[in-house]
Amino acid sequence: MACAYLLKNNYKIIGRNVYFRASEIDIIAKKNKALIFVEVKARSGSAFPAEAVTRTKRQKLFTAMHQYFAKHPAKNYQLDVIAINFLDGGTTKLEHYENVGMQD
């Protein structure tokens, strides 16, 4: 669902479920010459999925991103979160948070 959303919005998917010692990066994409690392969180019910990307998780993701840069240098990059909430009645809500950085 997250990849379909990104493709629909002119992102090019270059990697999925990319593993590093520190963490896994769910999606690596490109858009407008920027390298986008995407963490996908999905939950059922009323829980808000984006809250699951804690500061500790973001630190692990940034470590994994830098491990990726060792083989694939990049100057323009960001970390995004796609939150998918499976709601009652079979509906879904997808929210894309761009460039989340290290803020709490």
C-alpha atoms as a PDB file:
ATOM      1  CA  MET A   1       0.000   0.000   0.000  1.00  0.00           C
ATOM      2  CA  ALA A   2       2.830   2.399   0.867  1.00  0.00           C
ATOM      3  CA  CYS A   3       4.730   1.605  -2.347  1.00  0.00           C
ATOM      4  CA  ALA A   4       1.578   2.078  -4.430  1.00  0.00           C
ATOM      5  CA  TYR A   5       1.050   5.467  -2.782  1.00  0.00           C
ATOM      6  CA  LEU A   6       4.643   6.525  -3.473  1.00  0.00           C
ATOM      7  CA  LEU A   7       4.539   5.378  -7.098  1.00  0.00           C
ATOM      8  CA  LYS A   8       1.264   7.245  -7.617  1.00  0.00           C
ATOM      9  CA  ASN A   9       3.001  10.377  -6.289  1.00  0.00           C
ATOM     10  CA  ASN A  10       5.971  10.180  -8.686  1.00  0.00           C
ATOM     11  CA  TYR A  11       8.484   8.421  -6.439  1.00  0.00           C
ATOM     12  CA  LYS A  12      10.767   5.762  -7.910  1.00  0.00           C
ATOM     13  CA  ILE A  13      11.191   2.750  -5.619  1.00  0.00           C
ATOM     14  CA  ILE A  14      14.818   1.602  -5.555  1.00  0.00           C
ATOM     15  CA  GLY A  15      14.724  -0.754  -2.557  1.00  0.00           C
ATOM     16  CA  ARG A  16      12.346  -2.532  -0.209  1.00  0.00           C
ATOM     17  CA  ASN A  17      13.123  -4.141   3.146  1.00  0.00           C
ATOM     18  CA  VAL A  18      16.819  -3.230   2.977  1.00  0.00           C
ATOM     19  CA  TYR A  19      18.674  -4.710   5.958  1.00  0.00           C
ATOM     20  CA  PHE A  20      21.651  -3.230   7.786  1.00  0.00           C
ATOM     21  CA  ARG A  21      23.316  -4.113  11.079  1.00  0.00           C
ATOM     22  CA  ALA A  22      21.488  -1.313  12.873  1.00  0.00           C
ATOM     23  CA  SER A  23      18.030  -1.637  11.392  1.00  0.00           C
ATOM     24  CA  GLU A  24      15.880  -2.312   8.378  1.00  0.00           C
ATOM     25  CA  ILE A  25      14.756   0.412   6.016  1.00  0.00           C
ATOM     26  CA  ASP A  26      11.286  -0.393   4.720  1.00  0.00           C
ATOM     27  CA  ILE A  27      11.484   1.569   1.464  1.00  0.00           C
ATOM     28  CA  ILE A  28      14.218   3.510  -0.308  1.00  0.00           C
ATOM     29  CA  ALA A  29      12.897   5.787  -3.037  1.00  0.00           C
ATOM     30  CA  LYS A  30      13.929   8.725  -5.197  1.00  0.00           C
ATOM     31  CA  LYS A  31      12.015  11.852  -6.081  1.00  0.00           C
ATOM     32  CA  ASN A  32      13.314  15.103  -7.578  1.00  0.00           C
ATOM     33  CA  LYS A  33      16.950  13.967  -7.180  1.00  0.00           C
ATOM     34  CA  ALA A  34      16.404  13.334  -3.451  1.00  0.00           C
ATOM     35  CA  LEU A  35      16.925   9.979  -1.789  1.00  0.00           C
ATOM     36  CA  ILE A  36      13.964   9.211   0.469  1.00  0.00           C
ATOM     37  CA  PHE A  37      14.153   6.613   3.243  1.00  0.00           C
ATOM     38  CA  VAL A  38      10.661   5.572   4.300  1.00  0.00           C
ATOM     39  CA  GLU A  39       9.611   3.897   7.543  1.00  0.00           C
ATOM     40  CA  VAL A  40       6.159   2.321   7.247  1.00  0.00           C
ATOM     41  CA  LYS A  41       3.992   1.798  10.321  1.00  0.00           C
ATOM     42  CA  ALA A  42       0.610   0.112  10.187  1.00  0.00           C
ATOM     43  CA  ARG A  43      -1.894  -0.481  12.964  1.00  0.00           C
ATOM     44  CA  SER A  44      -5.482  -1.592  13.366  1.00  0.00           C
ATOM     45  CA  GLY A  45      -8.171   0.318  15.225  1.00  0.00           C
ATOM     46  CA  SER A  46      -7.688   3.687  16.814  1.00  0.00           C
ATOM     47  CA  ALA A  47      -3.939   3.453  17.575  1.00  0.00           C
ATOM     48  CA  PHE A  48      -1.942   6.104  15.754  1.00  0.00           C
ATOM     49  CA  PRO A  49       0.825   4.325  13.794  1.00  0.00           C
ATOM     50  CA  ALA A  50       3.237   7.251  13.437  1.00  0.00           C
ATOM     51  CA  GLU A  51       3.730   7.360  17.219  1.00  0.00           C
ATOM     52  CA  ALA A  52       5.512   4.000  16.936  1.00  0.00           C
ATOM     53  CA  VAL A  53       8.504   5.761  15.327  1.00  0.00           C
ATOM     54  CA  THR A  54      10.224   6.740  18.540  1.00  0.00           C
ATOM     55  CA  ARG A  55      13.410   8.753  18.871  1.00  0.00           C
ATOM     56  CA  THR A  56      15.320   5.485  19.430  1.00  0.00           C
ATOM     57  CA  LYS A  57      13.857   4.002  16.233  1.00  0.00           C
ATOM     58  CA  ARG A  58      14.760   7.162  14.288  1.00  0.00           C
ATOM     59  CA  GLN A  59      18.346   6.932  15.604  1.00  0.00           C
ATOM     60  CA  LYS A  60      18.568   3.335  14.358  1.00  0.00           C
ATOM     61  CA  LEU A  61      17.176   4.382  10.992  1.00  0.00           C
ATOM     62  CA  PHE A  62      19.696   7.227  10.672  1.00  0.00           C
ATOM     63  CA  THR A  63      22.504   4.777  11.495  1.00  0.00           C
ATOM     64  CA  ALA A  64      21.226   2.443   8.756  1.00  0.00           C
ATOM     65  CA  MET A  65      20.964   5.363   6.346  1.00  0.00           C
ATOM     66  CA  HIS A  66      24.616   6.239   6.944  1.00  0.00           C
ATOM     67  CA  GLN A  67      25.588   2.610   6.355  1.00  0.00           C
ATOM     68  CA  TYR A  68      23.754   2.873   3.012  1.00  0.00           C
ATOM     69  CA  PHE A  69      25.704   6.062   2.198  1.00  0.00           C
ATOM     70  CA  ALA A  70      28.994   4.156   2.614  1.00  0.00           C
ATOM     71  CA  LYS A  71      28.218   2.377  -0.671  1.00  0.00           C
ATOM     72  CA  HIS A  72      25.824   4.890  -2.242  1.00  0.00           C
ATOM     73  CA  PRO A  73      26.857   8.485  -1.407  1.00  0.00           C
ATOM     74  CA  ALA A  74      24.042  11.027  -1.369  1.00  0.00           C
ATOM     75  CA  LYS A  75      23.850  14.708  -0.503  1.00  0.00           C
ATOM     76  CA  ASN A  76      20.107  15.267  -0.711  1.00  0.00           C
ATOM     77  CA  TYR A  77      18.172  12.836   1.478  1.00  0.00           C
ATOM     78  CA  GLN A  78      15.436  12.641   4.085  1.00  0.00           C
ATOM     79  CA  LEU A  79      13.579  10.246   6.353  1.00  0.00           C
ATOM     80  CA  ASP A  80       9.822   9.993   5.859  1.00  0.00           C
ATOM     81  CA  VAL A  81       7.166   8.016   7.727  1.00  0.00           C
ATOM     82  CA  ILE A  82       4.080   6.538   6.137  1.00  0.00           C
ATOM     83  CA  ALA A  83       1.449   5.684   8.719  1.00  0.00           C
ATOM     84  CA  ILE A  84      -1.338   3.338   7.709  1.00  0.00           C
ATOM     85  CA  ASN A  85      -4.285   2.903  10.024  1.00  0.00           C
ATOM     86  CA  PHE A  86      -6.755   0.096   9.320  1.00  0.00           C
ATOM     87  CA  LEU A  87     -10.037   1.477  10.633  1.00  0.00           C
ATOM     88  CA  ASP A  88     -13.319  -0.191  11.531  1.00  0.00           C
ATOM     89  CA  GLY A  89     -15.551  -0.897   8.567  1.00  0.00           C
ATOM     90  CA  GLY A  90     -12.680  -1.928   6.314  1.00  0.00           C
ATOM     91  CA  THR A  91     -11.423   1.568   5.542  1.00  0.00           C
ATOM     92  CA  THR A  92      -7.804   2.660   5.702  1.00  0.00           C
ATOM     93  CA  LYS A  93      -6.174   5.978   6.394  1.00  0.00           C
ATOM     94  CA  LEU A  94      -2.688   6.644   5.010  1.00  0.00           C
ATOM     95  CA  GLU A  95      -0.674   9.645   6.163  1.00  0.00           C
ATOM     96  CA  HIS A  96       2.721  10.653   4.788  1.00  0.00           C
ATOM     97  CA  TYR A  97       5.034  12.589   7.115  1.00  0.00           C
ATOM     98  CA  GLU A  98       7.955  14.029   5.192  1.00  0.00           C
ATOM     99  CA  ASN A  99      11.438  14.728   6.558  1.00  0.00           C
ATOM    100  CA  VAL A 100      10.776  13.683  10.144  1.00  0.00           C
ATOM    101  CA  GLY A 101      14.336  14.261  11.340  1.00  0.00           C
ATOM    102  CA  MET A 102      15.186  13.655  14.984  1.00  0.00           C
ATOM    103  CA  GLN A 103      12.528  15.784  16.667  1.00  0.00           C
ATOM    104  CA  ASP A 104      10.319  14.223  19.363  1.00  0.00           C
END
